C-alpha atoms as a PDB file:
ATOM      1  CA  MET A   1      16.679   0.021   4.032  1.00  0.00           C
ATOM      2  CA  CYS A   2      14.223   2.094   2.299  1.00  0.00           C
ATOM      3  CA  GLU A   3      11.171  -0.156   1.963  1.00  0.00           C
ATOM      4  CA  ALA A   4       7.872   0.717   3.866  1.00  0.00           C
ATOM      5  CA  ASN A   5       4.801  -0.966   5.144  1.00  0.00           C
ATOM      6  CA  ALA A   6       1.523  -0.456   3.433  1.00  0.00           C
ATOM      7  CA  TYR A   7      -1.808   0.243   5.345  1.00  0.00           C
ATOM      8  CA  PHE A   8      -5.385   0.690   4.376  1.00  0.00           C
ATOM      9  CA  ILE A   9      -6.368   3.880   6.239  1.00  0.00           C
ATOM     10  CA  ALA A  10     -10.051   4.622   7.399  1.00  0.00           C
ATOM     11  CA  GLY A  11     -10.495   7.552   9.759  1.00  0.00           C
ATOM     12  CA  ASP A  12      -7.826   7.024  12.384  1.00  0.00           C
ATOM     13  CA  LYS A  13      -7.665   3.293  11.853  1.00  0.00           C
ATOM     14  CA  GLU A  14      -4.649   1.466  10.163  1.00  0.00           C
ATOM     15  CA  GLU A  15      -5.008  -2.026   8.776  1.00  0.00           C
ATOM     16  CA  LEU A  16      -1.656  -3.485   7.756  1.00  0.00           C
ATOM     17  CA  ILE A  17      -1.670  -4.848   4.006  1.00  0.00           C
ATOM     18  CA  LEU A  18       1.961  -5.860   3.431  1.00  0.00           C
ATOM     19  CA  GLU A  19       5.363  -5.283   5.179  1.00  0.00           C
ATOM     20  CA  SER A  20       8.529  -4.289   3.490  1.00  0.00           C
ATOM     21  CA  VAL A  21       6.998  -2.989   0.457  1.00  0.00           C
ATOM     22  CA  ASP A  22       9.593  -2.260  -2.321  1.00  0.00           C
ATOM     23  CA  LYS A  23       7.367  -1.367  -5.289  1.00  0.00           C
ATOM     24  CA  VAL A  24       4.050   0.158  -5.850  1.00  0.00           C
ATOM     25  CA  LEU A  25       2.885  -0.341  -9.373  1.00  0.00           C
ATOM     26  CA  PRO A  26      -0.233   1.369 -10.623  1.00  0.00           C
ATOM     27  CA  GLN A  27      -2.619  -0.838 -12.298  1.00  0.00           C
ATOM     28  CA  GLU A  28      -6.066  -0.212 -14.348  1.00  0.00           C
ATOM     29  CA  ASP A  29      -8.256  -1.486 -11.342  1.00  0.00           C
ATOM     30  CA  GLY A  30      -5.933  -0.484  -8.363  1.00  0.00           C
ATOM     31  CA  LEU A  31      -2.288  -1.013  -7.148  1.00  0.00           C
ATOM     32  CA  LEU A  32       0.078  -3.911  -7.270  1.00  0.00           C
ATOM     33  CA  LEU A  33       2.420  -4.053  -4.238  1.00  0.00           C
ATOM     34  CA  GLU A  34       5.533  -5.942  -4.318  1.00  0.00           C
ATOM     35  CA  ASP A  35       7.691  -6.706  -1.175  1.00  0.00           C
ATOM     36  CA  ILE A  36      11.656  -7.223  -0.968  1.00  0.00           C
ATOM     37  CA  PHE A  37      11.075 -11.063  -1.060  1.00  0.00           C
ATOM     38  CA  GLY A  38       9.088 -10.825  -4.404  1.00  0.00           C
ATOM     39  CA  HIS A  39       5.628 -11.433  -2.918  1.00  0.00           C
ATOM     40  CA  ARG A  40       2.914  -9.524  -4.737  1.00  0.00           C
ATOM     41  CA  LYS A  41      -0.410  -8.267  -3.610  1.00  0.00           C
ATOM     42  CA  MET A  42      -2.999  -6.638  -5.730  1.00  0.00           C
ATOM     43  CA  VAL A  43      -5.360  -4.143  -3.926  1.00  0.00           C
ATOM     44  CA  ARG A  44      -8.208  -2.068  -5.202  1.00  0.00           C
ATOM     45  CA  ALA A  45      -7.007   1.133  -3.486  1.00  0.00           C
ATOM     46  CA  ARG A  46      -5.446   4.624  -4.255  1.00  0.00           C
ATOM     47  CA  ILE A  47      -2.644   6.130  -2.625  1.00  0.00           C
ATOM     48  CA  LYS A  48      -3.926   8.470   0.233  1.00  0.00           C
ATOM     49  CA  GLU A  49      -0.461   9.439   1.678  1.00  0.00           C
ATOM     50  CA  LEU A  50       3.230   8.571   1.497  1.00  0.00           C
ATOM     51  CA  SER A  51       5.068   9.064   4.912  1.00  0.00           C
ATOM     52  CA  LEU A  52       8.538   8.472   3.836  1.00  0.00           C
ATOM     53  CA  VAL A  53      10.361   9.254   7.083  1.00  0.00           C
ATOM     54  CA  GLU A  54       8.004   6.883   9.006  1.00  0.00           C
ATOM     55  CA  HIS A  55       8.358   4.287   5.997  1.00  0.00           C
ATOM     56  CA  LYS A  56       4.469   4.064   5.855  1.00  0.00           C
ATOM     57  CA  ILE A  57       2.324   3.977   2.571  1.00  0.00           C
ATOM     58  CA  TYR A  58      -1.419   4.964   3.281  1.00  0.00           C
ATOM     59  CA  LEU A  59      -4.011   3.515   0.789  1.00  0.00           C
ATOM     60  CA  GLU A  60      -7.695   4.290   0.502  1.00  0.00           C
ATOM     61  CA  LYS A  61      -9.992   1.431  -0.553  1.00  0.00           C
ATOM     62  CA  ILE A  62     -11.722   2.000  -3.851  1.00  0.00           C
ATOM     63  CA  ASP A  63     -15.441   0.956  -3.794  1.00  0.00           C
ATOM     64  CA  GLU A  64     -16.154  -2.379  -5.260  1.00  0.00           C
ATOM     65  CA  ARG A  65     -18.581  -2.121  -8.255  1.00  0.00           C
END
């Protein structure tokens, strides 16, 4: 399988957001994550790093305004 887990990253800490992510869709105010089961989660974040070998998506929170 090619899906990955999405995490918020802050310093050296990882916070799991969603497992088995299949799609990352850019939106005007963040990212829409969709897993292999069709569950969706909207996050106010930007991509910090993609680790494709480790199947991890690292996201950085966008400040709330």
